[in-house]
Amino acid sequence: MMGAVVSAAAFRRLKLDHDIQKARADNLEAALRGLEDTKEAMALGLTPTEFRIYSVLRRHEAASTEAILMALYSDKPDGGSDYNIVSVYIHKLRRKLEGNGYRIESRHGVGYRLVRAEGGEA
């Protein structure tokens, strides 16, 4: 009987250890993706603001103007700027990306989408 209690406790410890290791691996994977994005952004000559938008577009199938504004200004107490600034940054980002194998599509009612220039999704 005592062995069954110890085994159950050992099993719970192993499961907890597994869950902790999985969370660490997931965090490491996210950090590596972030480093890859940072390396690519540096090669493209992106500004910090352009990089934030680029990161949002890389991580989502499509990003609304609101989602981009949130990524840009969520740390600002006044909530950031107006919607037109997103169009300005998208325009600048398009110019930098189009010569480097990407393009940004505008999708009415949805937002923006980053795709590889040859047609595949980024």
PDB file of N, CA and C in Angstrom:
ATOM      1  N   MET A   1       0.827  -1.185   0.000  1.00  0.00           N
ATOM      2  CA  MET A   1       0.000   0.000   0.000  1.00  0.00           C
ATOM      3  C   MET A   1       0.868   1.244   0.000  1.00  0.00           C
ATOM      4  N   MET A   2       1.904   1.250   0.844  1.00  0.00           N
ATOM      5  CA  MET A   2       2.801   2.394   0.919  1.00  0.00           C
ATOM      6  C   MET A   2       3.488   2.617  -0.415  1.00  0.00           C
ATOM      7  N   GLY A   3       3.825   1.538  -1.120  1.00  0.00           N
ATOM      8  CA  GLY A   3       4.472   1.649  -2.419  1.00  0.00           C
ATOM      9  C   GLY A   3       3.570   2.343  -3.436  1.00  0.00           C
ATOM     10  N   ALA A   4       2.276   2.088  -3.373  1.00  0.00           N
ATOM     11  CA  ALA A   4       1.338   2.719  -4.299  1.00  0.00           C
ATOM     12  C   ALA A   4       1.253   4.210  -4.047  1.00  0.00           C
ATOM     13  N   VAL A   5       1.307   4.638  -2.785  1.00  0.00           N
ATOM     14  CA  VAL A   5       1.263   6.058  -2.443  1.00  0.00           C
ATOM     15  C   VAL A   5       2.534   6.737  -2.933  1.00  0.00           C
ATOM     16  N   VAL A   6       3.683   6.105  -2.722  1.00  0.00           N
ATOM     17  CA  VAL A   6       4.945   6.667  -3.179  1.00  0.00           C
ATOM     18  C   VAL A   6       4.966   6.730  -4.696  1.00  0.00           C
ATOM     19  N   SER A   7       4.478   5.696  -5.341  1.00  0.00           N
ATOM     20  CA  SER A   7       4.454   5.688  -6.793  1.00  0.00           C
ATOM     21  C   SER A   7       3.561   6.797  -7.336  1.00  0.00           C
ATOM     22  N   ALA A   8       2.415   7.023  -6.732  1.00  0.00           N
ATOM     23  CA  ALA A   8       1.526   8.101  -7.172  1.00  0.00           C
ATOM     24  C   ALA A   8       2.193   9.449  -6.966  1.00  0.00           C
ATOM     25  N   ALA A   9       2.865   9.615  -5.828  1.00  0.00           N
ATOM     26  CA  ALA A   9       3.573  10.871  -5.565  1.00  0.00           C
ATOM     27  C   ALA A   9       4.722  11.051  -6.548  1.00  0.00           C
ATOM     28  N   ALA A  10       5.432   9.966  -6.818  1.00  0.00           N
ATOM     29  CA  ALA A  10       6.535  10.038  -7.781  1.00  0.00           C
ATOM     30  C   ALA A  10       6.003  10.378  -9.172  1.00  0.00           C
ATOM     31  N   PHE A  11       4.864   9.794  -9.508  1.00  0.00           N
ATOM     32  CA  PHE A  11       4.263  10.079 -10.809  1.00  0.00           C
ATOM     33  C   PHE A  11       3.884  11.556 -10.916  1.00  0.00           C
ATOM     34  N   ARG A  12       3.279  12.096  -9.858  1.00  0.00           N
ATOM     35  CA  ARG A  12       2.908  13.520  -9.877  1.00  0.00           C
ATOM     36  C   ARG A  12       4.143  14.406 -10.012  1.00  0.00           C
ATOM     37  N   ARG A  13       5.234  14.041  -9.332  1.00  0.00           N
ATOM     38  CA  ARG A  13       6.492  14.808  -9.446  1.00  0.00           C
ATOM     39  C   ARG A  13       7.037  14.740 -10.861  1.00  0.00           C
ATOM     40  N   LEU A  14       7.020  13.535 -11.449  1.00  0.00           N
ATOM     41  CA  LEU A  14       7.496  13.393 -12.824  1.00  0.00           C
ATOM     42  C   LEU A  14       6.640  14.192 -13.800  1.00  0.00           C
ATOM     43  N   LYS A  15       5.324  14.164 -13.599  1.00  0.00           N
ATOM     44  CA  LYS A  15       4.440  14.938 -14.466  1.00  0.00           C
ATOM     45  C   LYS A  15       4.715  16.422 -14.301  1.00  0.00           C
ATOM     46  N   LEU A  16       4.892  16.880 -13.079  1.00  0.00           N
ATOM     47  CA  LEU A  16       5.197  18.287 -12.835  1.00  0.00           C
ATOM     48  C   LEU A  16       6.530  18.657 -13.480  1.00  0.00           C
ATOM     49  N   ASP A  17       7.548  17.796 -13.320  1.00  0.00           N
ATOM     50  CA  ASP A  17       8.848  18.044 -13.947  1.00  0.00           C
ATOM     51  C   ASP A  17       8.706  18.111 -15.468  1.00  0.00           C
ATOM     52  N   HIS A  18       7.908  17.207 -16.029  1.00  0.00           N
ATOM     53  CA  HIS A  18       7.674  17.207 -17.477  1.00  0.00           C
ATOM     54  C   HIS A  18       7.004  18.507 -17.908  1.00  0.00           C
ATOM     55  N   ASP A  19       5.967  18.930 -17.161  1.00  0.00           N
ATOM     56  CA  ASP A  19       5.255  20.164 -17.496  1.00  0.00           C
ATOM     57  C   ASP A  19       6.182  21.373 -17.423  1.00  0.00           C
ATOM     58  N   ILE A  20       7.048  21.396 -16.429  1.00  0.00           N
ATOM     59  CA  ILE A  20       8.007  22.495 -16.285  1.00  0.00           C
ATOM     60  C   ILE A  20       8.980  22.493 -17.456  1.00  0.00           C
ATOM     61  N   GLN A  21       9.502  21.314 -17.812  1.00  0.00           N
ATOM     62  CA  GLN A  21      10.437  21.221 -18.937  1.00  0.00           C
ATOM     63  C   GLN A  21       9.756  21.617 -20.251  1.00  0.00           C
ATOM     64  N   LYS A  22       8.498  21.233 -20.419  1.00  0.00           N
ATOM     65  CA  LYS A  22       7.755  21.603 -21.627  1.00  0.00           C
ATOM     66  C   LYS A  22       7.579  23.112 -21.702  1.00  0.00           C
ATOM     67  N   ALA A  23       7.235  23.728 -20.596  1.00  0.00           N
ATOM     68  CA  ALA A  23       7.073  25.191 -20.567  1.00  0.00           C
ATOM     69  C   ALA A  23       8.400  25.880 -20.889  1.00  0.00           C
ATOM     70  N   ARG A  24       9.482  25.359 -20.346  1.00  0.00           N
ATOM     71  CA  ARG A  24      10.802  25.932 -20.639  1.00  0.00           C
ATOM     72  C   ARG A  24      11.144  25.787 -22.121  1.00  0.00           C
ATOM     73  N   ALA A  25      10.853  24.636 -22.692  1.00  0.00           N
ATOM     74  CA  ALA A  25      11.120  24.412 -24.116  1.00  0.00           C
ATOM     75  C   ALA A  25      10.271  25.345 -24.976  1.00  0.00           C
ATOM     76  N   ASP A  26       9.010  25.516 -24.615  1.00  0.00           N
ATOM     77  CA  ASP A  26       8.136  26.433 -25.343  1.00  0.00           C
ATOM     78  C   ASP A  26       8.663  27.863 -25.269  1.00  0.00           C
ATOM     79  N   ASN A  27       9.110  28.280 -24.084  1.00  0.00           N
ATOM     80  CA  ASN A  27       9.669  29.628 -23.916  1.00  0.00           C
ATOM     81  C   ASN A  27      10.939  29.795 -24.734  1.00  0.00           C
ATOM     82  N   LEU A  28      11.773  28.776 -24.751  1.00  0.00           N
ATOM     83  CA  LEU A  28      13.014  28.833 -25.533  1.00  0.00           C
ATOM     84  C   LEU A  28      12.702  28.918 -27.023  1.00  0.00           C
ATOM     85  N   GLU A  29      11.734  28.130 -27.467  1.00  0.00           N
ATOM     86  CA  GLU A  29      11.343  28.164 -28.872  1.00  0.00           C
ATOM     87  C   GLU A  29      10.831  29.550 -29.263  1.00  0.00           C
ATOM     88  N   ALA A  30      10.032  30.161 -28.400  1.00  0.00           N
ATOM     89  CA  ALA A  30       9.523  31.510 -28.678  1.00  0.00           C
ATOM     90  C   ALA A  30      10.669  32.515 -28.715  1.00  0.00           C
ATOM     91  N   ALA A  31      11.625  32.368 -27.810  1.00  0.00           N
ATOM     92  CA  ALA A  31      12.777  33.272 -27.795  1.00  0.00           C
ATOM     93  C   ALA A  31      13.606  33.121 -29.062  1.00  0.00           C
ATOM     94  N   LEU A  32      13.788  31.896 -29.522  1.00  0.00           N
ATOM     95  CA  LEU A  32      14.545  31.666 -30.755  1.00  0.00           C
ATOM     96  C   LEU A  32      13.829  32.255 -31.969  1.00  0.00           C
ATOM     97  N   ARG A  33      12.491  32.110 -32.011  1.00  0.00           N
ATOM     98  CA  ARG A  33      11.732  32.737 -33.105  1.00  0.00           C
ATOM     99  C   ARG A  33      11.920  34.246 -33.069  1.00  0.00           C
ATOM    100  N   GLY A  34      11.913  34.800 -31.868  1.00  0.00           N
ATOM    101  CA  GLY A  34      12.128  36.239 -31.720  1.00  0.00           C
ATOM    102  C   GLY A  34      13.508  36.659 -32.195  1.00  0.00           C
ATOM    103  N   LEU A  35      14.522  35.834 -31.903  1.00  0.00           N
ATOM    104  CA  LEU A  35      15.872  36.136 -32.372  1.00  0.00           C
ATOM    105  C   LEU A  35      15.964  36.058 -33.887  1.00  0.00           C
ATOM    106  N   GLU A  36      15.300  35.068 -34.474  1.00  0.00           N
ATOM    107  CA  GLU A  36      15.290  34.949 -35.935  1.00  0.00           C
ATOM    108  C   GLU A  36      14.635  36.175 -36.557  1.00  0.00           C
ATOM    109  N   ASP A  37      13.507  36.606 -35.983  1.00  0.00           N
ATOM    110  CA  ASP A  37      12.833  37.802 -36.485  1.00  0.00           C
ATOM    111  C   ASP A  37      13.727  39.026 -36.336  1.00  0.00           C
ATOM    112  N   THR A  38      14.419  39.126 -35.197  1.00  0.00           N
ATOM    113  CA  THR A  38      15.298  40.270 -34.953  1.00  0.00           C
ATOM    114  C   THR A  38      16.443  40.284 -35.949  1.00  0.00           C
ATOM    115  N   LYS A  39      17.040  39.139 -36.189  1.00  0.00           N
ATOM    116  CA  LYS A  39      18.145  39.044 -37.151  1.00  0.00           C
ATOM    117  C   LYS A  39      17.676  39.456 -38.536  1.00  0.00           C
ATOM    118  N   GLU A  40      16.518  38.954 -38.945  1.00  0.00           N
ATOM    119  CA  GLU A  40      15.982  39.285 -40.249  1.00  0.00           C
ATOM    120  C   GLU A  40      15.640  40.774 -40.337  1.00  0.00           C
ATOM    121  N   ALA A  41      15.047  41.316 -39.271  1.00  0.00           N
ATOM    122  CA  ALA A  41      14.686  42.733 -39.255  1.00  0.00           C
ATOM    123  C   ALA A  41      15.916  43.622 -39.356  1.00  0.00           C
ATOM    124  N   MET A  42      16.991  43.226 -38.694  1.00  0.00           N
ATOM    125  CA  MET A  42      18.235  44.005 -38.779  1.00  0.00           C
ATOM    126  C   MET A  42      18.770  43.984 -40.201  1.00  0.00           C
ATOM    127  N   ALA A  43      18.699  42.828 -40.850  1.00  0.00           N
ATOM    128  CA  ALA A  43      19.177  42.724 -42.231  1.00  0.00           C
ATOM    129  C   ALA A  43      18.326  43.580 -43.167  1.00  0.00           C
ATOM    130  N   LEU A  44      17.045  43.748 -42.845  1.00  0.00           N
ATOM    131  CA  LEU A  44      16.147  44.547 -43.672  1.00  0.00           C
ATOM    132  C   LEU A  44      16.240  46.035 -43.357  1.00  0.00           C
ATOM    133  N   GLY A  45      16.920  46.381 -42.269  1.00  0.00           N
ATOM    134  CA  GLY A  45      17.051  47.777 -41.880  1.00  0.00           C
ATOM    135  C   GLY A  45      15.779  48.365 -41.294  1.00  0.00           C
ATOM    136  N   LEU A  46      15.015  47.547 -40.557  1.00  0.00           N
ATOM    137  CA  LEU A  46      13.761  48.023 -39.983  1.00  0.00           C
ATOM    138  C   LEU A  46      14.005  48.873 -38.744  1.00  0.00           C
ATOM    139  N   THR A  47      13.184  49.897 -38.589  1.00  0.00           N
ATOM    140  CA  THR A  47      13.203  50.701 -37.369  1.00  0.00           C
ATOM    141  C   THR A  47      12.520  49.895 -36.267  1.00  0.00           C
ATOM    142  N   PRO A  48      12.655  50.297 -35.004  1.00  0.00           N
ATOM    143  CA  PRO A  48      11.959  49.571 -33.931  1.00  0.00           C
ATOM    144  C   PRO A  48      10.442  49.498 -34.136  1.00  0.00           C
ATOM    145  N   THR A  49       9.837  50.570 -34.606  1.00  0.00           N
ATOM    146  CA  THR A  49       8.387  50.561 -34.847  1.00  0.00           C
ATOM    147  C   THR A  49       8.038  49.623 -35.989  1.00  0.00           C
ATOM    148  N   GLU A  50       8.804  49.676 -37.065  1.00  0.00           N
ATOM    149  CA  GLU A  50       8.572  48.769 -38.190  1.00  0.00           C
ATOM    150  C   GLU A  50       8.758  47.322 -37.751  1.00  0.00           C
ATOM    151  N   PHE A  51       9.732  47.086 -36.888  1.00  0.00           N
ATOM    152  CA  PHE A  51       9.966  45.733 -36.385  1.00  0.00           C
ATOM    153  C   PHE A  51       8.771  45.221 -35.584  1.00  0.00           C
ATOM    154  N   ARG A  52       8.163  46.087 -34.776  1.00  0.00           N
ATOM    155  CA  ARG A  52       6.987  45.666 -34.009  1.00  0.00           C
ATOM    156  C   ARG A  52       5.859  45.238 -34.946  1.00  0.00           C
ATOM    157  N   ILE A  53       5.640  46.037 -35.991  1.00  0.00           N
ATOM    158  CA  ILE A  53       4.582  45.706 -36.956  1.00  0.00           C
ATOM    159  C   ILE A  53       4.928  44.414 -37.682  1.00  0.00           C
ATOM    160  N   TYR A  54       6.174  44.297 -38.116  1.00  0.00           N
ATOM    161  CA  TYR A  54       6.647  43.096 -38.801  1.00  0.00           C
ATOM    162  C   TYR A  54       6.430  41.854 -37.923  1.00  0.00           C
ATOM    163  N   SER A  55       6.738  41.966 -36.653  1.00  0.00           N
ATOM    164  CA  SER A  55       6.552  40.843 -35.729  1.00  0.00           C
ATOM    165  C   SER A  55       5.094  40.451 -35.601  1.00  0.00           C
ATOM    166  N   VAL A  56       4.212  41.439 -35.521  1.00  0.00           N
ATOM    167  CA  VAL A  56       2.775  41.147 -35.449  1.00  0.00           C
ATOM    168  C   VAL A  56       2.331  40.421 -36.716  1.00  0.00           C
ATOM    169  N   LEU A  57       2.771  40.913 -37.860  1.00  0.00           N
ATOM    170  CA  LEU A  57       2.372  40.300 -39.129  1.00  0.00           C
ATOM    171  C   LEU A  57       2.937  38.894 -39.283  1.00  0.00           C
ATOM    172  N   ARG A  58       4.135  38.665 -38.773  1.00  0.00           N
ATOM    173  CA  ARG A  58       4.745  37.331 -38.863  1.00  0.00           C
ATOM    174  C   ARG A  58       4.007  36.314 -38.002  1.00  0.00           C
ATOM    175  N   ARG A  59       3.438  36.757 -36.915  1.00  0.00           N
ATOM    176  CA  ARG A  59       2.838  35.846 -35.953  1.00  0.00           C
ATOM    177  C   ARG A  59       1.351  35.595 -36.170  1.00  0.00           C
ATOM    178  N   HIS A  60       0.723  36.368 -37.033  1.00  0.00           N
ATOM    179  CA  HIS A  60      -0.713  36.228 -37.244  1.00  0.00           C
ATOM    180  C   HIS A  60      -1.010  36.077 -38.737  1.00  0.00           C
ATOM    181  N   GLU A  61      -2.032  35.313 -39.031  1.00  0.00           N
ATOM    182  CA  GLU A  61      -2.425  35.146 -40.434  1.00  0.00           C
ATOM    183  C   GLU A  61      -2.818  36.488 -41.031  1.00  0.00           C
ATOM    184  N   ALA A  62      -3.529  37.285 -40.264  1.00  0.00           N
ATOM    185  CA  ALA A  62      -3.882  38.646 -40.659  1.00  0.00           C
ATOM    186  C   ALA A  62      -3.948  39.477 -39.378  1.00  0.00           C
ATOM    187  N   ALA A  63      -3.562  40.744 -39.477  1.00  0.00           N
ATOM    188  CA  ALA A  63      -3.566  41.619 -38.311  1.00  0.00           C
ATOM    189  C   ALA A  63      -4.397  42.857 -38.613  1.00  0.00           C
ATOM    190  N   SER A  64      -5.328  43.143 -37.731  1.00  0.00           N
ATOM    191  CA  SER A  64      -6.166  44.323 -37.902  1.00  0.00           C
ATOM    192  C   SER A  64      -5.377  45.576 -37.534  1.00  0.00           C
ATOM    193  N   THR A  65      -5.895  46.709 -37.953  1.00  0.00           N
ATOM    194  CA  THR A  65      -5.283  47.986 -37.577  1.00  0.00           C
ATOM    195  C   THR A  65      -5.260  48.123 -36.058  1.00  0.00           C
ATOM    196  N   GLU A  66      -6.321  47.677 -35.409  1.00  0.00           N
ATOM    197  CA  GLU A  66      -6.389  47.745 -33.944  1.00  0.00           C
ATOM    198  C   GLU A  66      -5.294  46.901 -33.294  1.00  0.00           C
ATOM    199  N   ALA A  67      -5.070  45.707 -33.832  1.00  0.00           N
ATOM    200  CA  ALA A  67      -4.029  44.829 -33.280  1.00  0.00           C
ATOM    201  C   ALA A  67      -2.652  45.466 -33.443  1.00  0.00           C
ATOM    202  N   ILE A  68      -2.429  46.096 -34.577  1.00  0.00           N
ATOM    203  CA  ILE A  68      -1.140  46.758 -34.799  1.00  0.00           C
ATOM    204  C   ILE A  68      -0.988  47.948 -33.863  1.00  0.00           C
ATOM    205  N   LEU A  69      -2.042  48.749 -33.717  1.00  0.00           N
ATOM    206  CA  LEU A  69      -1.988  49.876 -32.774  1.00  0.00           C
ATOM    207  C   LEU A  69      -1.702  49.387 -31.361  1.00  0.00           C
ATOM    208  N   MET A  70      -2.328  48.278 -30.974  1.00  0.00           N
ATOM    209  CA  MET A  70      -2.106  47.724 -29.638  1.00  0.00           C
ATOM    210  C   MET A  70      -0.649  47.313 -29.466  1.00  0.00           C
ATOM    211  N   ALA A  71      -0.067  46.704 -30.486  1.00  0.00           N
ATOM    212  CA  ALA A  71       1.334  46.295 -30.420  1.00  0.00           C
ATOM    213  C   ALA A  71       2.258  47.510 -30.328  1.00  0.00           C
ATOM    214  N   LEU A  72       1.884  48.578 -30.996  1.00  0.00           N
ATOM    215  CA  LEU A  72       2.723  49.771 -31.001  1.00  0.00           C
ATOM    216  C   LEU A  72       2.596  50.599 -29.741  1.00  0.00           C
ATOM    217  N   TYR A  73       1.379  50.708 -29.218  1.00  0.00           N
ATOM    218  CA  TYR A  73       1.129  51.693 -28.168  1.00  0.00           C
ATOM    219  C   TYR A  73       0.528  51.133 -26.888  1.00  0.00           C
ATOM    220  N   SER A  74       0.537  49.836 -26.702  1.00  0.00           N
ATOM    221  CA  SER A  74      -0.069  49.268 -25.490  1.00  0.00           C
ATOM    222  C   SER A  74       0.652  49.715 -24.223  1.00  0.00           C
ATOM    223  N   ASP A  75       1.909  50.119 -24.352  1.00  0.00           N
ATOM    224  CA  ASP A  75       2.653  50.563 -23.174  1.00  0.00           C
ATOM    225  C   ASP A  75       2.543  52.065 -22.939  1.00  0.00           C
ATOM    226  N   LYS A  76       1.774  52.757 -23.755  1.00  0.00           N
ATOM    227  CA  LYS A  76       1.596  54.202 -23.628  1.00  0.00           C
ATOM    228  C   LYS A  76       0.323  54.491 -22.834  1.00  0.00           C
ATOM    229  N   PRO A  77       0.408  55.394 -21.857  1.00  0.00           N
ATOM    230  CA  PRO A  77      -0.775  55.671 -21.038  1.00  0.00           C
ATOM    231  C   PRO A  77      -1.923  56.315 -21.818  1.00  0.00           C
ATOM    232  N   ASP A  78      -1.627  57.079 -22.874  1.00  0.00           N
ATOM    233  CA  ASP A  78      -2.690  57.742 -23.635  1.00  0.00           C
ATOM    234  C   ASP A  78      -3.271  56.851 -24.727  1.00  0.00           C
ATOM    235  N   GLY A  79      -2.774  55.633 -24.852  1.00  0.00           N
ATOM    236  CA  GLY A  79      -3.299  54.702 -25.831  1.00  0.00           C
ATOM    237  C   GLY A  79      -2.707  54.859 -27.213  1.00  0.00           C
ATOM    238  N   GLY A  80      -1.790  55.765 -27.377  1.00  0.00           N
ATOM    239  CA  GLY A  80      -1.094  55.864 -28.652  1.00  0.00           C
ATOM    240  C   GLY A  80      -1.697  56.842 -29.623  1.00  0.00           C
ATOM    241  N   SER A  81      -1.532  56.547 -30.856  1.00  0.00           N
ATOM    242  CA  SER A  81      -1.844  57.466 -31.932  1.00  0.00           C
ATOM    243  C   SER A  81      -3.131  57.068 -32.642  1.00  0.00           C
ATOM    244  N   ASP A  82      -3.387  57.708 -33.783  1.00  0.00           N
ATOM    245  CA  ASP A  82      -4.604  57.404 -34.527  1.00  0.00           C
ATOM    246  C   ASP A  82      -4.354  56.321 -35.577  1.00  0.00           C
ATOM    247  N   TYR A  83      -5.427  55.930 -36.248  1.00  0.00           N
ATOM    248  CA  TYR A  83      -5.368  54.842 -37.217  1.00  0.00           C
ATOM    249  C   TYR A  83      -4.500  55.171 -38.427  1.00  0.00           C
ATOM    250  N   ASN A  84      -4.418  56.443 -38.792  1.00  0.00           N
ATOM    251  CA  ASN A  84      -3.654  56.819 -39.981  1.00  0.00           C
ATOM    252  C   ASN A  84      -2.171  56.488 -39.855  1.00  0.00           C
ATOM    253  N   ILE A  85      -1.663  56.490 -38.638  1.00  0.00           N
ATOM    254  CA  ILE A  85      -0.226  56.210 -38.460  1.00  0.00           C
ATOM    255  C   ILE A  85       0.098  54.786 -38.887  1.00  0.00           C
ATOM    256  N   VAL A  86      -0.856  53.870 -38.712  1.00  0.00           N
ATOM    257  CA  VAL A  86      -0.630  52.486 -39.141  1.00  0.00           C
ATOM    258  C   VAL A  86      -0.446  52.446 -40.660  1.00  0.00           C
ATOM    259  N   SER A  87      -1.254  53.176 -41.388  1.00  0.00           N
ATOM    260  CA  SER A  87      -1.114  53.224 -42.852  1.00  0.00           C
ATOM    261  C   SER A  87       0.247  53.763 -43.256  1.00  0.00           C
ATOM    262  N   VAL A  88       0.719  54.775 -42.547  1.00  0.00           N
ATOM    263  CA  VAL A  88       2.029  55.359 -42.851  1.00  0.00           C
ATOM    264  C   VAL A  88       3.125  54.328 -42.636  1.00  0.00           C
ATOM    265  N   TYR A  89       3.090  53.642 -41.489  1.00  0.00           N
ATOM    266  CA  TYR A  89       4.121  52.638 -41.205  1.00  0.00           C
ATOM    267  C   TYR A  89       4.028  51.443 -42.146  1.00  0.00           C
ATOM    268  N   ILE A  90       2.822  51.036 -42.501  1.00  0.00           N
ATOM    269  CA  ILE A  90       2.658  49.931 -43.449  1.00  0.00           C
ATOM    270  C   ILE A  90       3.270  50.318 -44.792  1.00  0.00           C
ATOM    271  N   HIS A  91       3.048  51.550 -45.218  1.00  0.00           N
ATOM    272  CA  HIS A  91       3.620  52.025 -46.484  1.00  0.00           C
ATOM    273  C   HIS A  91       5.150  51.943 -46.442  1.00  0.00           C
ATOM    274  N   LYS A  92       5.748  52.434 -45.356  1.00  0.00           N
ATOM    275  CA  LYS A  92       7.205  52.390 -45.228  1.00  0.00           C
ATOM    276  C   LYS A  92       7.719  50.958 -45.174  1.00  0.00           C
ATOM    277  N   LEU A  93       7.012  50.118 -44.440  1.00  0.00           N
ATOM    278  CA  LEU A  93       7.411  48.726 -44.296  1.00  0.00           C
ATOM    279  C   LEU A  93       7.298  47.989 -45.634  1.00  0.00           C
ATOM    280  N   ARG A  94       6.262  48.270 -46.382  1.00  0.00           N
ATOM    281  CA  ARG A  94       6.105  47.654 -47.707  1.00  0.00           C
ATOM    282  C   ARG A  94       7.310  47.957 -48.588  1.00  0.00           C
ATOM    283  N   ARG A  95       7.749  49.183 -48.583  1.00  0.00           N
ATOM    284  CA  ARG A  95       8.886  49.587 -49.425  1.00  0.00           C
ATOM    285  C   ARG A  95      10.144  48.804 -49.052  1.00  0.00           C
ATOM    286  N   LYS A  96      10.341  48.546 -47.779  1.00  0.00           N
ATOM    287  CA  LYS A  96      11.529  47.808 -47.346  1.00  0.00           C
ATOM    288  C   LYS A  96      11.409  46.314 -47.622  1.00  0.00           C
ATOM    289  N   LEU A  97      10.209  45.778 -47.487  1.00  0.00           N
ATOM    290  CA  LEU A  97      10.026  44.333 -47.623  1.00  0.00           C
ATOM    291  C   LEU A  97       9.898  43.858 -49.066  1.00  0.00           C
ATOM    292  N   GLU A  98       9.319  44.670 -49.924  1.00  0.00           N
ATOM    293  CA  GLU A  98       9.031  44.223 -51.287  1.00  0.00           C
ATOM    294  C   GLU A  98      10.279  43.828 -52.061  1.00  0.00           C
ATOM    295  N   GLY A  99      11.389  44.484 -51.814  1.00  0.00           N
ATOM    296  CA  GLY A  99      12.621  44.113 -52.486  1.00  0.00           C
ATOM    297  C   GLY A  99      13.340  42.955 -51.823  1.00  0.00           C
ATOM    298  N   ASN A 100      12.758  42.418 -50.752  1.00  0.00           N
ATOM    299  CA  ASN A 100      13.406  41.357 -49.984  1.00  0.00           C
ATOM    300  C   ASN A 100      12.553  40.108 -49.836  1.00  0.00           C
ATOM    301  N   GLY A 101      11.668  39.882 -50.805  1.00  0.00           N
ATOM    302  CA  GLY A 101      10.933  38.618 -50.822  1.00  0.00           C
ATOM    303  C   GLY A 101       9.616  38.590 -50.082  1.00  0.00           C
ATOM    304  N   TYR A 102       9.144  39.726 -49.588  1.00  0.00           N
ATOM    305  CA  TYR A 102       7.859  39.779 -48.892  1.00  0.00           C
ATOM    306  C   TYR A 102       7.000  40.882 -49.482  1.00  0.00           C
ATOM    307  N   ARG A 103       5.704  40.760 -49.236  1.00  0.00           N
ATOM    308  CA  ARG A 103       4.808  41.873 -49.513  1.00  0.00           C
ATOM    309  C   ARG A 103       3.724  41.868 -48.443  1.00  0.00           C
ATOM    310  N   ILE A 104       3.116  43.014 -48.261  1.00  0.00           N
ATOM    311  CA  ILE A 104       2.024  43.147 -47.303  1.00  0.00           C
ATOM    312  C   ILE A 104       0.753  43.387 -48.092  1.00  0.00           C
ATOM    313  N   GLU A 105      -0.205  42.503 -47.901  1.00  0.00           N
ATOM    314  CA  GLU A 105      -1.505  42.637 -48.553  1.00  0.00           C
ATOM    315  C   GLU A 105      -2.469  43.340 -47.614  1.00  0.00           C
ATOM    316  N   SER A 106      -3.309  44.192 -48.178  1.00  0.00           N
ATOM    317  CA  SER A 106      -4.414  44.796 -47.430  1.00  0.00           C
ATOM    318  C   SER A 106      -5.643  43.950 -47.691  1.00  0.00           C
ATOM    319  N   ARG A 107      -6.337  43.580 -46.638  1.00  0.00           N
ATOM    320  CA  ARG A 107      -7.550  42.775 -46.788  1.00  0.00           C
ATOM    321  C   ARG A 107      -8.697  43.558 -46.173  1.00  0.00           C
ATOM    322  N   HIS A 108      -9.580  44.039 -47.025  1.00  0.00           N
ATOM    323  CA  HIS A 108     -10.690  44.866 -46.574  1.00  0.00           C
ATOM    324  C   HIS A 108     -11.509  44.152 -45.499  1.00  0.00           C
ATOM    325  N   GLY A 109     -11.733  44.845 -44.402  1.00  0.00           N
ATOM    326  CA  GLY A 109     -12.510  44.289 -43.303  1.00  0.00           C
ATOM    327  C   GLY A 109     -11.724  43.356 -42.399  1.00  0.00           C
ATOM    328  N   VAL A 110     -10.466  43.058 -42.764  1.00  0.00           N
ATOM    329  CA  VAL A 110      -9.642  42.138 -41.976  1.00  0.00           C
ATOM    330  C   VAL A 110      -8.405  42.850 -41.436  1.00  0.00           C
ATOM    331  N   GLY A 111      -7.653  43.471 -42.324  1.00  0.00           N
ATOM    332  CA  GLY A 111      -6.427  44.141 -41.922  1.00  0.00           C
ATOM    333  C   GLY A 111      -5.311  43.892 -42.910  1.00  0.00           C
ATOM    334  N   TYR A 112      -4.162  43.527 -42.392  1.00  0.00           N
ATOM    335  CA  TYR A 112      -2.974  43.341 -43.211  1.00  0.00           C
ATOM    336  C   TYR A 112      -2.445  41.927 -43.054  1.00  0.00           C
ATOM    337  N   ARG A 113      -1.795  41.461 -44.125  1.00  0.00           N
ATOM    338  CA  ARG A 113      -1.263  40.099 -44.145  1.00  0.00           C
ATOM    339  C   ARG A 113       0.115  40.123 -44.797  1.00  0.00           C
ATOM    340  N   LEU A 114       1.071  39.478 -44.171  1.00  0.00           N
ATOM    341  CA  LEU A 114       2.428  39.367 -44.707  1.00  0.00           C
ATOM    342  C   LEU A 114       2.519  38.080 -45.516  1.00  0.00           C
ATOM    343  N   VAL A 115       2.966  38.189 -46.772  1.00  0.00           N
ATOM    344  CA  VAL A 115       3.124  37.019 -47.631  1.00  0.00           C
ATOM    345  C   VAL A 115       4.469  37.074 -48.323  1.00  0.00           C
ATOM    346  N   ARG A 116       4.966  35.913 -48.682  1.00  0.00           N
ATOM    347  CA  ARG A 116       6.183  35.856 -49.484  1.00  0.00           C
ATOM    348  C   ARG A 116       5.857  36.382 -50.871  1.00  0.00           C
ATOM    349  N   ALA A 117       6.793  37.068 -51.483  1.00  0.00           N
ATOM    350  CA  ALA A 117       6.552  37.723 -52.778  1.00  0.00           C
ATOM    351  C   ALA A 117       6.129  36.737 -53.851  1.00  0.00           C
ATOM    352  N   GLU A 118       6.615  35.510 -53.808  1.00  0.00           N
ATOM    353  CA  GLU A 118       6.261  34.541 -54.833  1.00  0.00           C
ATOM    354  C   GLU A 118       4.897  33.921 -54.592  1.00  0.00           C
ATOM    355  N   GLY A 119       4.175  34.378 -53.593  1.00  0.00           N
ATOM    356  CA  GLY A 119       2.791  33.936 -53.415  1.00  0.00           C
ATOM    357  C   GLY A 119       2.526  33.141 -52.162  1.00  0.00           C
ATOM    358  N   GLY A 120       3.544  32.532 -51.569  1.00  0.00           N
ATOM    359  CA  GLY A 120       3.325  31.743 -50.358  1.00  0.00           C
ATOM    360  C   GLY A 120       3.208  32.617 -49.126  1.00  0.00           C
ATOM    361  N   GLU A 121       2.520  32.100 -48.114  1.00  0.00           N
ATOM    362  CA  GLU A 121       2.387  32.840 -46.880  1.00  0.00           C
ATOM    363  C   GLU A 121       3.713  32.892 -46.149  1.00  0.00           C
ATOM    364  N   ALA A 122       3.986  34.011 -45.474  1.00  0.00           N
ATOM    365  CA  ALA A 122       5.272  34.197 -44.773  1.00  0.00           C
ATOM    366  C   ALA A 122       5.338  33.382 -43.509  1.00  0.00           C
TER     367      ALA A 122
END
